[in-house]
Amino acid sequence: MAGNRTFTMIKPDAVRNGNIGNILAMINQAGFRIVAMKYTKLSPEKAGEFYAVHKERPFYGELVEFMSSGPIVAAALEKDNAVADYRTLSGATNPAEAEEGTLRALYATSIGENAVHGADSDENAENEIAFHFSRYEQF
């Protein structure tokens, strides 16, 4: 199913700001099918494990602290060309550079608090989905 699934998280800032429903509505309107979803909170350890690829970067500690600061919504999404289409829907990491109408243009407040995470490749999407969901939680 390469190319058909991607992973997203609605980050703590967007959850805190009451944007879960709006973001999920935009995901549905863009033609994605939600195949798994949960409302949860990452521990600092789990956030660190999820973002381990960034461990050597200067923003890693801040990222882990932010991502464990409150609840998130994790979701696996399905659609043809899922990874690329979701990244288009999300918009640029910096909301000031995000195209009008994208999730980050509408709901992000800064580069650090940018409302949503999206997998950047089919392989990472698969790994990120498996990190959050067992195969029995995917429909």
Protein backbone atom coordinates (compact mmCIF):
# COMPACT_ATOMS: atom_id res chain seq x y z
CA MET A 1 0.00 0.00 0.00
CA ALA A 2 2.98 2.33 -0.43
CA GLY A 3 1.79 5.76 -1.40
CA ASN A 4 -1.70 5.21 -0.01
CA ARG A 5 -1.17 5.90 3.69
CA THR A 6 0.34 8.69 5.72
CA PHE A 7 0.56 9.67 9.35
CA THR A 8 -0.39 12.90 11.06
CA MET A 9 -0.51 14.29 14.54
CA ILE A 10 -2.56 17.25 15.61
CA LYS A 11 -0.02 18.86 17.92
CA PRO A 12 -0.56 20.15 21.48
CA ASP A 13 -0.94 23.78 20.36
CA ALA A 14 -3.79 22.99 17.96
CA VAL A 15 -5.46 20.73 20.54
CA ARG A 16 -5.12 23.43 23.22
CA ASN A 17 -6.58 26.03 20.82
CA GLY A 18 -9.66 23.92 20.08
CA ASN A 19 -8.84 23.14 16.45
CA ILE A 20 -9.23 19.34 16.37
CA GLY A 21 -12.64 19.42 14.66
CA ASN A 22 -11.64 22.02 12.08
CA ILE A 23 -8.46 20.16 11.17
CA LEU A 24 -10.23 16.79 10.90
CA ALA A 25 -12.92 18.37 8.73
CA MET A 26 -10.28 19.74 6.35
CA ILE A 27 -8.59 16.33 6.22
CA ASN A 28 -11.92 14.70 5.29
CA GLN A 29 -12.76 17.41 2.76
CA ALA A 30 -9.38 16.83 1.09
CA GLY A 31 -10.42 13.25 0.38
CA PHE A 32 -8.50 11.40 3.10
CA ARG A 33 -10.05 8.46 4.91
CA ILE A 34 -9.10 8.13 8.58
CA VAL A 35 -8.05 4.50 9.11
CA ALA A 36 -6.86 4.87 12.72
CA MET A 37 -7.08 7.67 15.27
CA LYS A 38 -6.46 8.25 18.95
CA TYR A 39 -6.45 11.10 21.42
CA THR A 40 -3.43 10.60 23.65
CA LYS A 41 -0.51 12.29 25.38
CA LEU A 42 3.12 11.50 24.61
CA SER A 43 5.47 11.13 27.56
CA PRO A 44 8.81 12.92 27.15
CA GLU A 45 10.37 9.48 26.55
CA LYS A 46 7.88 8.56 23.81
CA ALA A 47 8.15 12.00 22.18
CA GLY A 48 11.95 11.62 22.24
CA GLU A 49 11.70 8.19 20.67
CA PHE A 50 9.31 9.41 17.97
CA TYR A 51 11.57 12.35 17.06
CA ALA A 52 14.88 10.47 17.55
CA VAL A 53 15.87 11.31 13.96
CA HIS A 54 16.30 14.93 15.15
CA LYS A 55 18.30 14.05 18.29
CA GLU A 56 21.46 15.85 17.14
CA ARG A 57 19.64 19.00 16.05
CA PRO A 58 19.60 22.07 18.32
CA PHE A 59 15.78 22.15 18.52
CA TYR A 60 15.39 18.51 19.68
CA GLY A 61 14.97 19.22 23.41
CA GLU A 62 12.47 21.98 22.76
CA LEU A 63 10.56 19.75 20.31
CA VAL A 64 10.34 16.88 22.82
CA GLU A 65 9.23 19.26 25.58
CA PHE A 66 6.55 20.79 23.35
CA MET A 67 5.25 17.49 21.99
CA SER A 68 4.86 16.10 25.53
CA SER A 69 3.27 19.31 26.88
CA GLY A 70 -0.33 18.27 26.24
CA PRO A 71 -2.61 15.87 24.40
CA ILE A 72 -2.27 15.14 20.69
CA VAL A 73 -4.45 13.43 18.11
CA ALA A 74 -2.57 10.75 16.18
CA ALA A 75 -4.10 9.52 12.92
CA ALA A 76 -3.35 7.25 9.99
CA LEU A 77 -4.82 8.56 6.76
CA GLU A 78 -5.49 6.83 3.46
CA LYS A 79 -5.70 8.29 -0.03
CA ASP A 80 -3.81 7.88 -3.32
CA ASN A 81 -0.55 9.85 -3.08
CA ALA A 82 -1.21 10.31 0.65
CA VAL A 83 2.18 11.60 1.83
CA ALA A 84 2.55 14.30 -0.81
CA ASP A 85 -1.10 15.34 -0.70
CA TYR A 86 -1.07 15.65 3.09
CA ARG A 87 2.12 17.70 3.03
CA THR A 88 0.42 20.04 0.54
CA LEU A 89 -2.63 20.29 2.80
CA SER A 90 -0.40 20.97 5.83
CA GLY A 91 1.54 23.81 4.24
CA ALA A 92 5.05 25.05 4.97
CA THR A 93 6.55 24.40 8.41
CA ASN A 94 6.74 28.15 8.96
CA PRO A 95 3.13 29.35 9.01
CA ALA A 96 4.25 32.75 7.69
CA GLU A 97 5.32 30.94 4.50
CA ALA A 98 2.37 28.53 4.31
CA GLU A 99 -0.03 28.95 1.41
CA GLU A 100 -3.41 30.46 2.22
CA GLY A 101 -5.97 27.83 3.15
CA THR A 102 -3.46 25.24 4.41
CA LEU A 103 -3.65 23.80 7.91
CA ARG A 104 -0.60 25.69 9.10
CA ALA A 105 -1.66 28.99 7.56
CA LEU A 106 -4.96 28.67 9.40
CA TYR A 107 -3.98 27.06 12.72
CA ALA A 108 -0.22 27.34 13.41
CA THR A 109 1.22 30.13 15.52
CA SER A 110 4.95 29.67 14.89
CA ILE A 111 7.56 27.36 13.37
CA GLY A 112 7.78 25.52 16.70
CA GLU A 113 4.04 25.39 17.33
CA ASN A 114 2.88 24.55 13.83
CA ALA A 115 -0.38 22.69 14.50
CA VAL A 116 0.25 19.39 12.69
CA HIS A 117 2.90 16.81 11.92
CA GLY A 118 2.95 14.96 8.63
CA ALA A 119 5.14 12.05 7.52
CA ASP A 120 7.76 13.07 4.95
CA SER A 121 8.03 9.78 3.04
CA ASP A 122 6.15 6.53 2.49
CA GLU A 123 8.71 4.67 4.62
CA ASN A 124 8.42 7.15 7.50
CA ALA A 125 4.62 7.09 7.23
CA GLU A 126 4.69 3.31 7.67
CA ASN A 127 7.05 3.58 10.67
CA GLU A 128 5.10 6.41 12.29
CA ILE A 129 1.78 4.59 11.89
CA ALA A 130 3.31 1.46 13.45
CA PHE A 131 4.72 3.58 16.31
CA HIS A 132 1.21 4.70 17.30
CA PHE A 133 -1.10 1.91 16.12
CA SER A 134 -1.10 -1.88 16.11
CA ARG A 135 -2.43 -3.51 12.96
CA TYR A 136 -5.61 -4.33 14.94
CA GLU A 137 -6.26 -0.59 15.44
CA GLN A 138 -6.19 0.17 11.71
CA PHE A 139 -9.37 -0.17 9.67
